[in-house]
N, C-alpha and C. Protein backbone atom coordinates (compact mmCIF):
# COMPACT_ATOMS: atom_id res chain seq x y z
N MET A 1 0.81 -1.23 -0.06
CA MET A 1 0.06 0.07 -0.13
C MET A 1 0.84 1.37 0.03
N ALA A 2 0.61 2.18 -0.98
CA ALA A 2 1.32 3.32 -0.96
C ALA A 2 1.01 4.52 0.28
N SER A 3 2.12 4.98 0.47
CA SER A 3 2.09 6.11 1.81
C SER A 3 1.55 7.35 1.21
N LEU A 4 0.87 8.08 2.41
CA LEU A 4 0.36 9.56 1.85
C LEU A 4 1.49 10.25 1.18
N HIS A 5 2.55 10.07 1.67
CA HIS A 5 3.74 10.78 1.06
C HIS A 5 4.01 10.20 -0.67
N ASP A 6 3.75 8.93 -0.71
CA ASP A 6 3.94 8.63 -2.27
C ASP A 6 2.81 9.17 -3.06
N GLN A 7 1.57 9.06 -2.65
CA GLN A 7 0.28 9.54 -3.15
C GLN A 7 0.17 10.99 -3.58
N ASN A 8 0.83 11.79 -2.72
CA ASN A 8 0.96 13.35 -2.90
C ASN A 8 2.00 13.53 -4.00
N ARG A 9 3.21 12.72 -3.92
CA ARG A 9 4.11 12.76 -4.94
C ARG A 9 3.69 12.31 -6.30
N ALA A 10 2.58 11.36 -6.53
CA ALA A 10 2.05 11.04 -7.85
C ALA A 10 0.90 12.05 -8.23
N LEU A 11 0.41 12.98 -7.10
CA LEU A 11 -0.85 13.69 -7.61
C LEU A 11 -0.02 15.03 -8.23
N ILE A 12 1.25 15.47 -7.83
CA ILE A 12 1.76 16.52 -8.25
C ILE A 12 2.50 16.15 -9.61
N THR A 13 1.86 16.90 -10.69
CA THR A 13 2.51 16.98 -11.93
C THR A 13 3.58 17.33 -12.28
N PRO A 14 4.46 17.30 -13.04
CA PRO A 14 5.66 17.75 -13.21
C PRO A 14 5.68 19.51 -13.62
N ARG A 15 4.52 19.82 -14.32
CA ARG A 15 4.63 21.04 -14.32
C ARG A 15 4.19 21.80 -13.10
N GLU A 16 3.37 21.22 -12.18
CA GLU A 16 3.01 21.88 -10.76
C GLU A 16 4.36 21.80 -10.24
N LYS A 17 5.21 20.83 -10.25
CA LYS A 17 6.19 20.79 -9.57
C LYS A 17 7.37 22.06 -9.60
N GLU A 18 7.36 22.26 -11.11
CA GLU A 18 8.14 23.13 -11.71
C GLU A 18 7.78 24.62 -11.06
N THR A 19 6.35 24.65 -11.28
CA THR A 19 5.65 26.12 -10.39
C THR A 19 6.10 26.08 -9.04
N LEU A 20 5.88 25.16 -8.18
CA LEU A 20 6.34 25.08 -6.93
C LEU A 20 7.74 25.58 -6.64
N LYS A 21 8.76 25.01 -7.54
CA LYS A 21 10.12 25.29 -7.37
C LYS A 21 10.26 26.79 -7.55
N LEU A 22 9.70 27.53 -8.68
CA LEU A 22 9.79 28.75 -8.72
C LEU A 22 9.12 29.52 -7.69
N LEU A 23 7.80 29.04 -7.10
CA LEU A 23 7.39 29.77 -6.07
C LEU A 23 8.32 29.96 -4.86
N LYS A 24 8.64 28.66 -4.55
CA LYS A 24 9.93 28.72 -3.45
C LYS A 24 11.00 29.77 -3.84
N GLN A 25 11.36 30.25 -5.01
CA GLN A 25 12.63 31.16 -5.14
C GLN A 25 11.67 32.58 -4.92
N GLY A 26 10.42 32.72 -4.54
CA GLY A 26 9.79 33.90 -4.41
C GLY A 26 9.15 34.73 -5.68
N LYS A 27 9.19 33.74 -6.46
CA LYS A 27 8.82 34.57 -7.81
C LYS A 27 7.06 34.79 -7.71
N SER A 28 6.58 35.90 -8.33
CA SER A 28 5.28 35.79 -8.58
C SER A 28 4.58 34.96 -9.55
N ALA A 29 3.23 35.09 -9.80
CA ALA A 29 2.52 34.36 -10.64
C ALA A 29 3.13 34.60 -12.26
N ALA A 30 3.20 36.27 -12.49
CA ALA A 30 3.49 36.69 -13.62
C ALA A 30 4.76 36.26 -14.01
N GLU A 31 5.77 36.33 -12.71
CA GLU A 31 7.07 35.75 -13.08
C GLU A 31 7.19 34.38 -13.39
N VAL A 32 6.57 33.72 -12.80
CA VAL A 32 6.62 32.23 -13.14
C VAL A 32 6.08 32.10 -14.43
N ALA A 33 5.08 32.57 -15.13
CA ALA A 33 4.69 32.53 -16.26
C ALA A 33 5.64 32.94 -17.41
N VAL A 34 6.49 33.91 -16.97
CA VAL A 34 7.41 34.06 -18.06
C VAL A 34 8.63 33.18 -18.24
N VAL A 35 9.10 32.64 -16.79
CA VAL A 35 9.81 31.58 -16.82
C VAL A 35 9.48 30.40 -17.75
N LEU A 36 8.17 30.22 -17.55
CA LEU A 36 7.72 28.83 -17.86
C LEU A 36 7.27 28.93 -19.47
N GLY A 37 7.32 30.15 -19.96
CA GLY A 37 6.68 30.20 -21.01
C GLY A 37 5.05 30.12 -21.22
N ILE A 38 4.55 30.46 -20.23
CA ILE A 38 2.97 30.16 -20.29
C ILE A 38 2.24 31.54 -19.81
N ARG A 39 0.92 31.59 -20.05
CA ARG A 39 0.21 32.63 -19.48
C ARG A 39 0.16 32.50 -17.87
N GLU A 40 -0.20 33.67 -17.14
CA GLU A 40 -0.30 34.05 -15.90
C GLU A 40 -1.45 33.05 -15.43
N ARG A 41 -2.32 33.40 -16.29
CA ARG A 41 -3.60 32.42 -16.03
C ARG A 41 -3.63 31.27 -15.59
N THR A 42 -2.49 30.32 -16.32
CA THR A 42 -2.30 29.06 -16.43
C THR A 42 -1.40 28.65 -15.19
N VAL A 43 -0.54 29.55 -14.78
CA VAL A 43 0.05 29.58 -13.59
C VAL A 43 -0.83 29.35 -12.33
N LYS A 44 -1.96 30.28 -12.45
CA LYS A 44 -2.93 30.52 -11.44
C LYS A 44 -3.51 29.14 -11.22
N PHE A 45 -3.80 28.69 -12.42
CA PHE A 45 -4.36 27.26 -12.57
C PHE A 45 -3.68 26.26 -11.77
N HIS A 46 -2.72 26.24 -11.98
CA HIS A 46 -1.73 25.28 -11.45
C HIS A 46 -1.60 25.56 -9.94
N VAL A 47 -1.58 26.77 -9.51
CA VAL A 47 -1.34 26.82 -8.25
C VAL A 47 -2.69 26.52 -7.16
N SER A 48 -4.03 26.73 -8.02
CA SER A 48 -5.11 26.49 -7.40
C SER A 48 -5.04 24.77 -7.31
N ASN A 49 -4.49 24.13 -8.40
CA ASN A 49 -4.53 22.60 -8.37
C ASN A 49 -3.62 22.16 -7.21
N ILE A 50 -2.49 22.83 -6.99
CA ILE A 50 -1.61 22.45 -6.06
C ILE A 50 -2.14 22.46 -4.58
N LEU A 51 -2.96 23.71 -4.45
CA LEU A 51 -3.30 23.89 -2.96
C LEU A 51 -4.32 22.87 -2.69
N GLN A 52 -5.50 22.42 -3.78
CA GLN A 52 -6.26 21.57 -3.65
C GLN A 52 -5.77 20.28 -3.26
N LYS A 53 -4.66 19.64 -4.23
CA LYS A 53 -3.95 18.32 -4.03
C LYS A 53 -3.12 18.41 -2.35
N LEU A 54 -2.70 19.57 -1.87
CA LEU A 54 -1.83 19.40 -0.78
C LEU A 54 -2.66 19.94 0.43
N ASN A 55 -4.24 20.15 0.14
CA ASN A 55 -5.15 20.65 1.42
C ASN A 55 -4.44 21.79 1.81
N ALA A 56 -3.70 22.87 1.00
CA ALA A 56 -3.18 23.96 1.59
C ALA A 56 -4.09 25.13 1.63
N VAL A 57 -4.02 26.16 2.55
CA VAL A 57 -4.81 27.30 2.38
C VAL A 57 -4.02 28.60 1.55
N ASN A 58 -2.79 28.38 1.37
CA ASN A 58 -2.41 29.49 0.52
C ASN A 58 -0.97 28.77 0.00
N ARG A 59 -0.42 29.69 -0.93
CA ARG A 59 1.28 29.39 -1.29
C ARG A 59 2.06 28.98 -0.26
N THR A 60 2.15 29.83 0.66
CA THR A 60 3.20 29.56 1.63
C THR A 60 3.02 28.25 2.29
N HIS A 61 1.72 28.09 2.68
CA HIS A 61 1.24 26.60 3.12
C HIS A 61 1.55 25.47 2.49
N ALA A 62 1.18 25.54 1.02
CA ALA A 62 1.48 24.55 0.02
C ALA A 62 3.00 24.40 0.00
N LEU A 63 4.05 25.24 0.09
CA LEU A 63 5.48 25.08 -0.05
C LEU A 63 5.90 24.26 1.02
N ALA A 64 5.33 24.90 2.53
CA ALA A 64 5.70 24.08 3.80
C ALA A 64 5.31 22.84 3.71
N ILE A 65 4.25 22.15 3.10
CA ILE A 65 3.64 20.92 3.07
C ILE A 65 4.45 20.40 2.10
N ALA A 66 4.79 20.86 0.83
CA ALA A 66 5.58 20.14 -0.17
C ALA A 66 7.07 19.83 0.22
N ILE A 67 7.59 20.73 1.04
CA ILE A 67 9.20 20.72 1.65
C ILE A 67 9.01 19.60 2.64
N GLU A 68 7.96 19.50 3.25
CA GLU A 68 8.06 18.58 4.62
C GLU A 68 7.71 17.08 3.97
N LYS A 69 7.02 17.18 2.83
CA LYS A 69 6.70 15.77 2.41
C LYS A 69 7.73 15.39 1.27
N GLY A 70 8.81 16.24 1.37
CA GLY A 70 9.85 16.00 0.19
C GLY A 70 9.72 15.97 -1.33
N LEU A 71 8.56 16.80 -1.63
CA LEU A 71 8.15 16.91 -2.90
C LEU A 71 9.06 17.68 -3.80
N LEU A 72 9.96 18.56 -3.06
CA LEU A 72 10.97 19.40 -3.62
C LEU A 72 12.22 19.14 -3.06
N GLU A 73 13.33 19.01 -3.89
CA GLU A 73 14.58 18.80 -3.78
C GLU A 73 15.20 19.93 -3.01
């Protein structure tokens, strides 16, 4: 049976992981959009999905959870 850690890791897509890494660097949604070559609206969609998947209330909480669970190197 997979642990919760493994389940969360599987839930986060590669693009969401890239988004989390850039947020960890303090980048805004607009800055993340430029770096990834996507629209700011798409970044906000990824962030919304991340918050939902990690049961986080905001970006900072999502980053704390991701780091705690080893989802970010």
